């Protein structure tokens, strides 16, 4: 049994190239795959057919990841088909093969906006929507972790901070042995 058995993965830009290879690899590892595409439905359908022919479970969903509404629909269709989302691979990107002198300013900005800015934290479109939808789908896991391990993790982090501190602080130990009280074996 693979570590991805029973998991669901969304791969953006998976209709060809590296995205298609990632989708095939995830499927081979046992994950159900959502093949996302913005253009090229034929390529996405071909990838889905290939995944299903090899025993995988996959669907194709058209969504432009630079548009928040499309991203919400991508996650809604993923939830409708598989009822969960475990893996998100942000692979979508574009490139127009032109000689350098033929690239216009508009083309440069179009490629830069899709390939770079959509991942920036200040992004108002697709990237922000991806993060928001991801958090919504996994909120129950985050809440459980906060309830179960908050006290233990807080104490562990405080202890680690004390043990790594080489300067003396009140209640931690003497100036000669700063970690003697909380960090056994450290002097």
N, C-alpha and C. Protein backbone atom coordinates (compact mmCIF):
# COMPACT_ATOMS: atom_id res chain seq x y z
N UNK A 1 0.84 -1.19 0.00
CA UNK A 1 0.00 0.00 0.00
C UNK A 1 0.88 1.24 0.00
N UNK A 2 0.58 2.16 -0.88
CA UNK A 2 1.35 3.40 -1.00
C UNK A 2 0.91 4.40 0.06
N UNK A 3 1.77 5.36 0.34
CA UNK A 3 1.41 6.39 1.30
C UNK A 3 0.38 7.37 0.75
N UNK A 4 0.07 7.30 -0.54
CA UNK A 4 -0.96 8.15 -1.13
C UNK A 4 -2.26 7.40 -1.41
N UNK A 5 -2.32 6.16 -1.02
CA UNK A 5 -3.53 5.36 -1.22
C UNK A 5 -4.71 6.03 -0.52
N UNK A 6 -5.77 6.29 -1.26
CA UNK A 6 -6.96 6.90 -0.69
C UNK A 6 -6.90 8.41 -0.60
N UNK A 7 -5.82 9.03 -1.03
CA UNK A 7 -5.70 10.49 -1.00
C UNK A 7 -6.21 11.07 -2.31
N UNK A 8 -6.51 12.36 -2.29
CA UNK A 8 -6.98 13.07 -3.48
C UNK A 8 -6.02 14.22 -3.77
N UNK A 9 -5.58 14.32 -5.02
CA UNK A 9 -4.64 15.36 -5.42
C UNK A 9 -5.20 16.19 -6.55
N UNK A 10 -4.99 17.50 -6.47
CA UNK A 10 -5.29 18.41 -7.57
C UNK A 10 -3.96 18.84 -8.16
N UNK A 11 -3.81 18.69 -9.47
CA UNK A 11 -2.61 19.13 -10.16
C UNK A 11 -3.02 20.19 -11.16
N UNK A 12 -2.59 21.44 -10.93
CA UNK A 12 -2.92 22.50 -11.87
C UNK A 12 -2.00 22.38 -13.08
N UNK A 13 -2.51 22.73 -14.24
CA UNK A 13 -1.72 22.65 -15.46
C UNK A 13 -1.31 21.24 -15.80
N UNK A 14 -2.21 20.30 -15.63
CA UNK A 14 -1.87 18.88 -15.79
C UNK A 14 -2.27 18.29 -17.13
N UNK A 15 -2.63 19.11 -18.10
CA UNK A 15 -3.07 18.57 -19.38
C UNK A 15 -1.92 18.15 -20.28
N UNK A 16 -0.69 18.56 -19.93
CA UNK A 16 0.46 18.19 -20.75
C UNK A 16 1.75 18.41 -19.96
N UNK A 17 2.83 17.93 -20.50
CA UNK A 17 4.16 18.20 -19.96
C UNK A 17 4.38 17.69 -18.54
N UNK A 18 5.02 18.54 -17.75
CA UNK A 18 5.39 18.17 -16.38
C UNK A 18 4.15 17.89 -15.54
N UNK A 19 3.09 18.70 -15.73
CA UNK A 19 1.86 18.49 -14.96
C UNK A 19 1.25 17.13 -15.22
N UNK A 20 1.25 16.68 -16.48
CA UNK A 20 0.73 15.35 -16.82
C UNK A 20 1.59 14.28 -16.18
N UNK A 21 2.91 14.47 -16.18
CA UNK A 21 3.81 13.49 -15.55
C UNK A 21 3.59 13.42 -14.05
N UNK A 22 3.36 14.58 -13.41
CA UNK A 22 3.08 14.60 -11.97
C UNK A 22 1.78 13.86 -11.68
N UNK A 23 0.75 14.13 -12.50
CA UNK A 23 -0.55 13.47 -12.31
C UNK A 23 -0.40 11.95 -12.43
N UNK A 24 0.37 11.49 -13.42
CA UNK A 24 0.58 10.05 -13.60
C UNK A 24 1.33 9.45 -12.43
N UNK A 25 2.31 10.17 -11.92
CA UNK A 25 3.08 9.68 -10.77
C UNK A 25 2.21 9.59 -9.51
N UNK A 26 1.40 10.60 -9.28
CA UNK A 26 0.49 10.58 -8.13
C UNK A 26 -0.51 9.44 -8.24
N UNK A 27 -1.04 9.25 -9.44
CA UNK A 27 -2.00 8.17 -9.66
C UNK A 27 -1.34 6.81 -9.44
N UNK A 28 -0.12 6.66 -9.92
CA UNK A 28 0.61 5.40 -9.74
C UNK A 28 0.89 5.13 -8.26
N UNK A 29 0.96 6.19 -7.47
CA UNK A 29 1.18 6.05 -6.03
C UNK A 29 -0.11 5.82 -5.26
N UNK A 30 -1.24 5.78 -5.97
CA UNK A 30 -2.50 5.45 -5.32
C UNK A 30 -3.48 6.60 -5.12
N UNK A 31 -3.10 7.82 -5.49
CA UNK A 31 -3.99 8.96 -5.28
C UNK A 31 -5.01 9.08 -6.41
N UNK A 32 -6.20 9.56 -6.06
CA UNK A 32 -7.17 9.98 -7.07
C UNK A 32 -6.72 11.37 -7.52
N UNK A 33 -6.79 11.66 -8.80
CA UNK A 33 -6.20 12.89 -9.33
C UNK A 33 -7.24 13.75 -10.04
N UNK A 34 -7.21 15.05 -9.74
CA UNK A 34 -8.01 16.02 -10.48
C UNK A 34 -7.05 16.71 -11.44
N UNK A 35 -7.26 16.49 -12.72
CA UNK A 35 -6.42 17.06 -13.77
C UNK A 35 -7.00 18.42 -14.12
N UNK A 36 -6.32 19.49 -13.71
CA UNK A 36 -6.79 20.84 -13.99
C UNK A 36 -6.17 21.34 -15.28
N UNK A 37 -6.96 22.07 -16.04
CA UNK A 37 -6.47 22.70 -17.27
C UNK A 37 -7.21 24.01 -17.47
N UNK A 38 -6.58 24.95 -18.15
CA UNK A 38 -7.23 26.20 -18.51
C UNK A 38 -7.61 26.20 -19.98
N UNK A 39 -6.74 25.62 -20.80
CA UNK A 39 -6.96 25.47 -22.23
C UNK A 39 -6.57 24.03 -22.56
N UNK A 40 -6.95 23.50 -23.63
CA UNK A 40 -6.50 22.16 -24.02
C UNK A 40 -7.26 21.03 -23.35
N UNK A 41 -8.55 21.03 -23.52
CA UNK A 41 -9.40 19.96 -22.96
C UNK A 41 -9.00 18.60 -23.50
N UNK A 42 -8.59 18.53 -24.74
CA UNK A 42 -8.21 17.24 -25.35
C UNK A 42 -7.04 16.62 -24.59
N UNK A 43 -6.06 17.44 -24.25
CA UNK A 43 -4.90 16.94 -23.51
C UNK A 43 -5.29 16.44 -22.13
N UNK A 44 -6.16 17.19 -21.45
CA UNK A 44 -6.61 16.78 -20.12
C UNK A 44 -7.41 15.48 -20.19
N UNK A 45 -8.28 15.37 -21.20
CA UNK A 45 -9.06 14.14 -21.36
C UNK A 45 -8.15 12.94 -21.66
N UNK A 46 -7.09 13.20 -22.41
CA UNK A 46 -6.12 12.14 -22.72
C UNK A 46 -5.40 11.67 -21.44
N UNK A 47 -5.01 12.62 -20.60
CA UNK A 47 -4.34 12.27 -19.34
C UNK A 47 -5.29 11.48 -18.44
N UNK A 48 -6.54 11.93 -18.33
CA UNK A 48 -7.52 11.22 -17.50
C UNK A 48 -7.74 9.80 -18.03
N UNK A 49 -7.88 9.66 -19.34
CA UNK A 49 -8.07 8.33 -19.94
C UNK A 49 -6.87 7.43 -19.65
N UNK A 50 -5.67 7.99 -19.73
CA UNK A 50 -4.46 7.22 -19.44
C UNK A 50 -4.43 6.78 -17.97
N UNK A 51 -4.80 7.68 -17.08
CA UNK A 51 -4.80 7.34 -15.65
C UNK A 51 -5.82 6.24 -15.36
N UNK A 52 -7.00 6.36 -15.95
CA UNK A 52 -8.04 5.35 -15.74
C UNK A 52 -7.65 4.01 -16.36
N UNK A 53 -6.97 4.05 -17.51
CA UNK A 53 -6.54 2.81 -18.16
C UNK A 53 -5.51 2.07 -17.32
N UNK A 54 -4.78 2.81 -16.51
CA UNK A 54 -3.78 2.19 -15.63
C UNK A 54 -4.31 1.93 -14.23
N UNK A 55 -5.63 1.94 -14.08
CA UNK A 55 -6.25 1.58 -12.81
C UNK A 55 -6.44 2.74 -11.85
N UNK A 56 -6.23 3.97 -12.30
CA UNK A 56 -6.38 5.12 -11.42
C UNK A 56 -7.78 5.71 -11.46
N UNK A 57 -8.00 6.66 -10.60
CA UNK A 57 -9.27 7.36 -10.53
C UNK A 57 -8.97 8.82 -10.80
N UNK A 58 -9.60 9.42 -11.81
CA UNK A 58 -9.26 10.80 -12.19
C UNK A 58 -10.44 11.48 -12.86
N UNK A 59 -10.45 12.81 -12.74
CA UNK A 59 -11.40 13.65 -13.47
C UNK A 59 -10.62 14.86 -14.01
N UNK A 60 -11.17 15.49 -15.03
CA UNK A 60 -10.60 16.72 -15.58
C UNK A 60 -11.52 17.88 -15.23
N UNK A 61 -10.93 18.99 -14.78
CA UNK A 61 -11.71 20.17 -14.43
C UNK A 61 -11.06 21.39 -15.06
N UNK A 62 -11.85 22.14 -15.82
CA UNK A 62 -11.35 23.37 -16.43
C UNK A 62 -11.43 24.49 -15.41
N UNK A 63 -10.30 25.16 -15.17
CA UNK A 63 -10.27 26.31 -14.26
C UNK A 63 -9.00 27.11 -14.52
N UNK A 64 -9.16 28.41 -14.69
CA UNK A 64 -8.04 29.32 -14.83
C UNK A 64 -7.62 29.72 -13.41
N UNK A 65 -6.42 29.32 -12.99
CA UNK A 65 -6.00 29.55 -11.60
C UNK A 65 -5.71 31.00 -11.29
N UNK A 66 -5.77 31.88 -12.28
CA UNK A 66 -5.61 33.31 -12.00
C UNK A 66 -6.94 33.97 -11.68
N UNK A 67 -8.03 33.21 -11.76
CA UNK A 67 -9.37 33.75 -11.48
C UNK A 67 -9.95 33.05 -10.26
N UNK A 68 -10.26 33.84 -9.24
CA UNK A 68 -10.74 33.30 -7.97
C UNK A 68 -12.00 32.45 -8.13
N UNK A 69 -12.91 32.87 -8.99
CA UNK A 69 -14.16 32.12 -9.19
C UNK A 69 -13.87 30.74 -9.78
N UNK A 70 -12.93 30.68 -10.71
CA UNK A 70 -12.57 29.38 -11.29
C UNK A 70 -11.91 28.47 -10.26
N UNK A 71 -11.09 29.06 -9.40
CA UNK A 71 -10.43 28.25 -8.36
C UNK A 71 -11.46 27.69 -7.39
N UNK A 72 -12.43 28.52 -7.01
CA UNK A 72 -13.50 28.02 -6.12
C UNK A 72 -14.25 26.87 -6.78
N UNK A 73 -14.53 27.01 -8.07
CA UNK A 73 -15.23 25.94 -8.80
C UNK A 73 -14.37 24.68 -8.87
N UNK A 74 -13.06 24.84 -9.06
CA UNK A 74 -12.15 23.70 -9.09
C UNK A 74 -12.24 22.91 -7.78
N UNK A 75 -12.19 23.62 -6.66
CA UNK A 75 -12.28 22.93 -5.37
C UNK A 75 -13.67 22.37 -5.12
N UNK A 76 -14.71 23.06 -5.57
CA UNK A 76 -16.07 22.55 -5.40
C UNK A 76 -16.27 21.26 -6.18
N UNK A 77 -15.76 21.22 -7.41
CA UNK A 77 -15.89 20.00 -8.21
C UNK A 77 -15.04 18.86 -7.64
N UNK A 78 -13.90 19.21 -7.08
CA UNK A 78 -13.07 18.19 -6.42
C UNK A 78 -13.81 17.60 -5.23
N UNK A 79 -14.40 18.46 -4.42
CA UNK A 79 -15.15 18.00 -3.25
C UNK A 79 -16.37 17.17 -3.67
N UNK A 80 -17.04 17.60 -4.74
CA UNK A 80 -18.21 16.88 -5.23
C UNK A 80 -17.84 15.47 -5.71
N UNK A 81 -16.71 15.36 -6.40
CA UNK A 81 -16.30 14.07 -6.97
C UNK A 81 -15.65 13.16 -5.93
N UNK A 82 -14.83 13.72 -5.03
CA UNK A 82 -14.04 12.87 -4.12
C UNK A 82 -14.26 13.16 -2.64
N UNK A 83 -15.00 14.22 -2.32
CA UNK A 83 -15.34 14.59 -0.95
C UNK A 83 -14.15 14.97 -0.09
N UNK A 84 -13.00 15.26 -0.69
CA UNK A 84 -11.84 15.66 0.11
C UNK A 84 -10.75 16.19 -0.80
N UNK A 85 -9.72 16.75 -0.20
CA UNK A 85 -8.53 17.20 -0.93
C UNK A 85 -7.34 17.06 0.01
N UNK A 86 -6.32 16.33 -0.44
CA UNK A 86 -5.16 16.10 0.41
C UNK A 86 -3.88 16.70 -0.14
N UNK A 87 -3.75 16.74 -1.47
CA UNK A 87 -2.51 17.20 -2.10
C UNK A 87 -2.86 18.24 -3.15
N UNK A 88 -2.11 19.35 -3.14
CA UNK A 88 -2.28 20.38 -4.15
C UNK A 88 -0.92 20.64 -4.79
N UNK A 89 -0.84 20.46 -6.10
CA UNK A 89 0.40 20.72 -6.84
C UNK A 89 0.15 21.91 -7.75
N UNK A 90 0.79 23.05 -7.43
CA UNK A 90 0.66 24.26 -8.24
C UNK A 90 1.66 24.20 -9.37
N UNK A 91 1.25 23.66 -10.49
CA UNK A 91 2.14 23.47 -11.62
C UNK A 91 1.82 24.36 -12.81
N UNK A 92 0.63 24.95 -12.84
CA UNK A 92 0.19 25.70 -14.02
C UNK A 92 1.15 26.83 -14.37
N UNK A 93 1.40 26.98 -15.64
CA UNK A 93 2.26 28.04 -16.13
C UNK A 93 2.15 28.12 -17.64
N UNK A 94 2.63 29.23 -18.19
CA UNK A 94 2.56 29.40 -19.64
C UNK A 94 3.90 29.90 -20.16
N UNK A 95 4.12 29.67 -21.43
CA UNK A 95 5.28 30.22 -22.13
C UNK A 95 5.00 30.21 -23.61
N UNK A 96 5.19 31.34 -24.24
CA UNK A 96 4.99 31.44 -25.68
C UNK A 96 6.38 31.43 -26.32
N UNK A 97 6.62 30.46 -27.17
CA UNK A 97 7.92 30.32 -27.81
C UNK A 97 8.05 31.35 -28.94
N UNK A 98 8.76 32.42 -28.64
CA UNK A 98 9.01 33.48 -29.62
C UNK A 98 10.47 33.92 -29.51
N UNK A 99 11.03 34.41 -30.59
CA UNK A 99 12.35 35.04 -30.47
C UNK A 99 12.25 36.24 -29.52
N UNK A 100 13.28 36.51 -28.77
CA UNK A 100 13.28 37.55 -27.75
C UNK A 100 12.82 38.90 -28.30
N UNK A 101 13.26 39.25 -29.49
CA UNK A 101 12.90 40.56 -30.06
C UNK A 101 11.42 40.64 -30.45
N UNK A 102 10.72 39.53 -30.53
CA UNK A 102 9.30 39.54 -30.89
C UNK A 102 8.36 39.53 -29.68
N UNK A 103 8.91 39.40 -28.49
CA UNK A 103 8.07 39.38 -27.28
C UNK A 103 7.65 40.81 -26.95
N UNK A 104 6.36 41.04 -26.93
CA UNK A 104 5.83 42.37 -26.63
C UNK A 104 5.75 42.57 -25.12
N UNK A 105 5.57 43.81 -24.74
CA UNK A 105 5.44 44.12 -23.32
C UNK A 105 4.19 43.45 -22.73
N UNK A 106 3.10 43.44 -23.49
CA UNK A 106 1.87 42.80 -23.03
C UNK A 106 2.07 41.30 -22.81
N UNK A 107 2.77 40.65 -23.75
CA UNK A 107 3.04 39.22 -23.62
C UNK A 107 3.92 38.93 -22.41
N UNK A 108 4.93 39.77 -22.22
CA UNK A 108 5.80 39.60 -21.06
C UNK A 108 5.00 39.68 -19.76
N UNK A 109 4.15 40.70 -19.64
CA UNK A 109 3.35 40.88 -18.42
C UNK A 109 2.34 39.75 -18.24
N UNK A 110 1.77 39.27 -19.33
CA UNK A 110 0.82 38.15 -19.23
C UNK A 110 1.52 36.92 -18.65
N UNK A 111 2.69 36.59 -19.17
CA UNK A 111 3.43 35.43 -18.68
C UNK A 111 3.91 35.64 -17.25
N UNK A 112 4.40 36.82 -16.96
CA UNK A 112 4.88 37.11 -15.60
C UNK A 112 3.74 37.02 -14.60
N UNK A 113 2.59 37.58 -14.94
CA UNK A 113 1.45 37.56 -14.03
C UNK A 113 0.97 36.14 -13.75
N UNK A 114 0.95 35.29 -14.76
CA UNK A 114 0.48 33.92 -14.56
C UNK A 114 1.54 33.07 -13.87
N UNK A 115 2.79 33.19 -14.29
CA UNK A 115 3.83 32.31 -13.78
C UNK A 115 4.42 32.74 -12.44
N UNK A 116 4.35 34.02 -12.12
CA UNK A 116 5.00 34.50 -10.89
C UNK A 116 4.01 35.11 -9.91
N UNK A 117 3.27 36.11 -10.34
CA UNK A 117 2.46 36.86 -9.39
C UNK A 117 1.31 36.07 -8.80
N UNK A 118 0.80 35.08 -9.46
CA UNK A 118 -0.33 34.34 -8.88
C UNK A 118 0.08 33.59 -7.62
N UNK A 119 1.39 33.37 -7.42
CA UNK A 119 1.84 32.69 -6.21
C UNK A 119 2.24 33.66 -5.11
N UNK A 120 2.28 34.95 -5.42
CA UNK A 120 2.73 35.93 -4.43
C UNK A 120 1.71 36.08 -3.32
N UNK A 121 2.16 36.29 -2.07
CA UNK A 121 1.22 36.43 -0.95
C UNK A 121 0.26 37.60 -1.12
N UNK A 122 0.64 38.63 -1.84
CA UNK A 122 -0.25 39.78 -2.01
C UNK A 122 -1.31 39.55 -3.08
N UNK A 123 -1.27 38.38 -3.69
CA UNK A 123 -2.18 38.06 -4.79
C UNK A 123 -3.63 38.20 -4.36
N UNK A 124 -4.41 38.87 -5.17
CA UNK A 124 -5.83 39.06 -4.89
C UNK A 124 -6.69 38.05 -5.63
N UNK A 125 -6.08 37.22 -6.47
CA UNK A 125 -6.86 36.31 -7.30
C UNK A 125 -6.70 34.86 -6.92
N UNK A 126 -6.18 34.08 -7.87
CA UNK A 126 -6.14 32.64 -7.75
C UNK A 126 -5.39 32.11 -6.55
N UNK A 127 -4.17 32.62 -6.30
CA UNK A 127 -3.36 32.10 -5.20
C UNK A 127 -4.04 32.24 -3.86
N UNK A 128 -4.63 33.40 -3.61
CA UNK A 128 -5.33 33.64 -2.35
C UNK A 128 -6.54 32.71 -2.23
N UNK A 129 -7.25 32.54 -3.32
CA UNK A 129 -8.41 31.65 -3.30
C UNK A 129 -7.97 30.20 -3.07
N UNK A 130 -6.85 29.79 -3.68
CA UNK A 130 -6.34 28.44 -3.46
C UNK A 130 -6.06 28.21 -1.97
N UNK A 131 -5.38 29.17 -1.34
CA UNK A 131 -5.05 29.03 0.08
C UNK A 131 -6.31 29.00 0.94
N UNK A 132 -7.27 29.88 0.62
CA UNK A 132 -8.51 29.94 1.40
C UNK A 132 -9.30 28.64 1.28
N UNK A 133 -9.42 28.12 0.07
CA UNK A 133 -10.15 26.88 -0.13
C UNK A 133 -9.44 25.72 0.54
N UNK A 134 -8.11 25.69 0.45
CA UNK A 134 -7.33 24.63 1.09
C UNK A 134 -7.58 24.65 2.60
N UNK A 135 -7.52 25.84 3.20
CA UNK A 135 -7.73 25.97 4.64
C UNK A 135 -9.14 25.52 5.02
N UNK A 136 -10.12 25.89 4.19
CA UNK A 136 -11.50 25.50 4.48
C UNK A 136 -11.65 23.98 4.47
N UNK A 137 -11.03 23.30 3.51
CA UNK A 137 -11.14 21.86 3.42
C UNK A 137 -10.43 21.15 4.56
N UNK A 138 -9.42 21.79 5.15
CA UNK A 138 -8.64 21.13 6.19
C UNK A 138 -8.83 21.76 7.57
N UNK A 139 -9.84 22.60 7.74
CA UNK A 139 -10.05 23.29 9.00
C UNK A 139 -10.27 22.31 10.16
N UNK A 140 -10.99 21.21 9.91
CA UNK A 140 -11.25 20.25 10.99
C UNK A 140 -9.95 19.65 11.51
N UNK A 141 -8.97 19.42 10.62
CA UNK A 141 -7.69 18.88 11.05
C UNK A 141 -6.92 19.91 11.87
N UNK A 142 -6.96 21.16 11.42
CA UNK A 142 -6.27 22.22 12.15
C UNK A 142 -6.87 22.40 13.54
N UNK A 143 -8.20 22.39 13.63
CA UNK A 143 -8.87 22.54 14.93
C UNK A 143 -8.50 21.40 15.86
N UNK A 144 -8.48 20.16 15.36
CA UNK A 144 -8.14 19.01 16.18
C UNK A 144 -6.71 19.12 16.71
N UNK A 145 -5.79 19.55 15.85
CA UNK A 145 -4.40 19.70 16.29
C UNK A 145 -4.29 20.78 17.37
N UNK A 146 -5.04 21.85 17.21
CA UNK A 146 -5.00 22.91 18.22
C UNK A 146 -5.54 22.40 19.55
N UNK A 147 -6.61 21.62 19.52
CA UNK A 147 -7.20 21.12 20.77
C UNK A 147 -6.32 20.09 21.45
N UNK A 148 -5.79 19.16 20.69
CA UNK A 148 -5.06 18.04 21.28
C UNK A 148 -3.66 18.38 21.73
N UNK A 149 -2.92 19.09 20.90
CA UNK A 149 -1.51 19.23 21.21
C UNK A 149 -1.05 20.60 21.60
N UNK A 150 -1.97 21.53 21.77
CA UNK A 150 -1.55 22.90 22.01
C UNK A 150 -0.68 23.03 23.26
N UNK A 151 -1.14 22.50 24.39
CA UNK A 151 -0.38 22.62 25.63
C UNK A 151 0.95 21.90 25.55
N UNK A 152 0.94 20.69 25.04
CA UNK A 152 2.16 19.90 24.94
C UNK A 152 3.17 20.57 24.01
N UNK A 153 2.69 21.05 22.86
CA UNK A 153 3.59 21.70 21.92
C UNK A 153 4.15 23.00 22.47
N UNK A 154 3.31 23.74 23.18
CA UNK A 154 3.77 24.99 23.77
C UNK A 154 4.88 24.71 24.78
N UNK A 155 4.67 23.71 25.65
CA UNK A 155 5.69 23.38 26.65
C UNK A 155 6.97 22.90 25.97
N UNK A 156 6.84 22.07 24.94
CA UNK A 156 8.01 21.57 24.23
C UNK A 156 8.79 22.71 23.59
N UNK A 157 8.08 23.66 22.98
CA UNK A 157 8.76 24.79 22.35
C UNK A 157 9.45 25.66 23.38
N UNK A 158 8.80 25.89 24.54
CA UNK A 158 9.43 26.68 25.58
C UNK A 158 10.68 25.98 26.11
N UNK A 159 10.58 24.67 26.28
CA UNK A 159 11.73 23.92 26.78
C UNK A 159 12.88 23.97 25.77
N UNK A 160 12.57 23.83 24.49
CA UNK A 160 13.59 23.89 23.46
C UNK A 160 14.27 25.27 23.48
N UNK A 161 13.47 26.33 23.65
CA UNK A 161 14.04 27.67 23.70
C UNK A 161 14.98 27.81 24.89
N UNK A 162 14.57 27.29 26.03
CA UNK A 162 15.43 27.37 27.22
C UNK A 162 16.72 26.59 27.03
N UNK A 163 16.61 25.42 26.43
CA UNK A 163 17.79 24.58 26.26
C UNK A 163 18.77 25.18 25.25
N UNK A 164 18.26 25.91 24.29
CA UNK A 164 19.14 26.52 23.29
C UNK A 164 19.70 27.86 23.73
N UNK A 165 19.17 28.40 24.81
CA UNK A 165 19.62 29.69 25.30
C UNK A 165 20.90 29.50 26.11
N UNK A 166 21.97 30.19 25.77
CA UNK A 166 23.23 30.04 26.49
C UNK A 166 23.42 31.11 27.54
N UNK A 167 22.55 32.12 27.55
CA UNK A 167 22.66 33.16 28.57
C UNK A 167 21.81 32.80 29.76
N UNK A 168 22.23 33.24 30.94
CA UNK A 168 21.50 32.94 32.16
C UNK A 168 20.24 33.80 32.24
N UNK A 169 19.15 33.20 32.71
CA UNK A 169 17.91 33.92 32.96
C UNK A 169 17.41 33.48 34.33
N UNK A 170 16.63 34.32 34.96
CA UNK A 170 16.11 34.00 36.28
C UNK A 170 15.33 32.68 36.24
N UNK A 171 15.65 31.78 37.10
CA UNK A 171 14.93 30.52 37.20
C UNK A 171 15.40 29.44 36.24
N UNK A 172 16.35 29.72 35.37
CA UNK A 172 16.78 28.72 34.42
C UNK A 172 18.03 28.01 34.91
N UNK A 173 18.86 28.67 35.63
CA UNK A 173 20.07 28.04 36.15
C UNK A 173 21.08 29.11 36.49
N UNK A 174 22.26 28.70 36.87
CA UNK A 174 23.29 29.66 37.21
C UNK A 174 23.99 30.12 35.94
N UNK A 175 24.80 31.16 36.07
CA UNK A 175 25.54 31.67 34.92
C UNK A 175 26.54 30.63 34.42
N UNK A 176 27.03 29.79 35.33
CA UNK A 176 28.00 28.76 34.96
C UNK A 176 27.34 27.62 34.18
N UNK A 177 26.16 27.21 34.61
CA UNK A 177 25.41 26.12 33.96
C UNK A 177 24.00 26.59 33.63
N UNK A 178 23.85 27.33 32.53
CA UNK A 178 22.54 27.94 32.24
C UNK A 178 21.42 26.95 31.99
N UNK A 179 21.71 25.74 31.59
CA UNK A 179 20.65 24.81 31.27
C UNK A 179 20.46 23.71 32.27
N UNK A 180 21.09 23.80 33.42
CA UNK A 180 21.09 22.68 34.37
C UNK A 180 19.70 22.34 34.90
N UNK A 181 18.82 23.33 35.01
CA UNK A 181 17.52 23.07 35.61
C UNK A 181 16.54 22.41 34.64
N UNK A 182 16.53 22.80 33.35
CA UNK A 182 15.55 22.31 32.40
C UNK A 182 16.11 21.39 31.33
N UNK A 183 17.42 21.37 31.19
CA UNK A 183 18.03 20.60 30.11
C UNK A 183 19.02 19.61 30.70
N UNK A 184 18.57 18.43 31.10
CA UNK A 184 19.47 17.46 31.73
C UNK A 184 20.65 17.14 30.84
N UNK A 185 21.81 17.07 31.46
CA UNK A 185 23.01 16.68 30.72
C UNK A 185 23.69 17.82 30.00
N UNK A 186 23.12 19.01 30.06
CA UNK A 186 23.72 20.14 29.39
C UNK A 186 24.38 21.03 30.42
N UNK A 187 25.61 21.38 30.18
CA UNK A 187 26.28 22.27 31.13
C UNK A 187 27.06 23.32 30.39
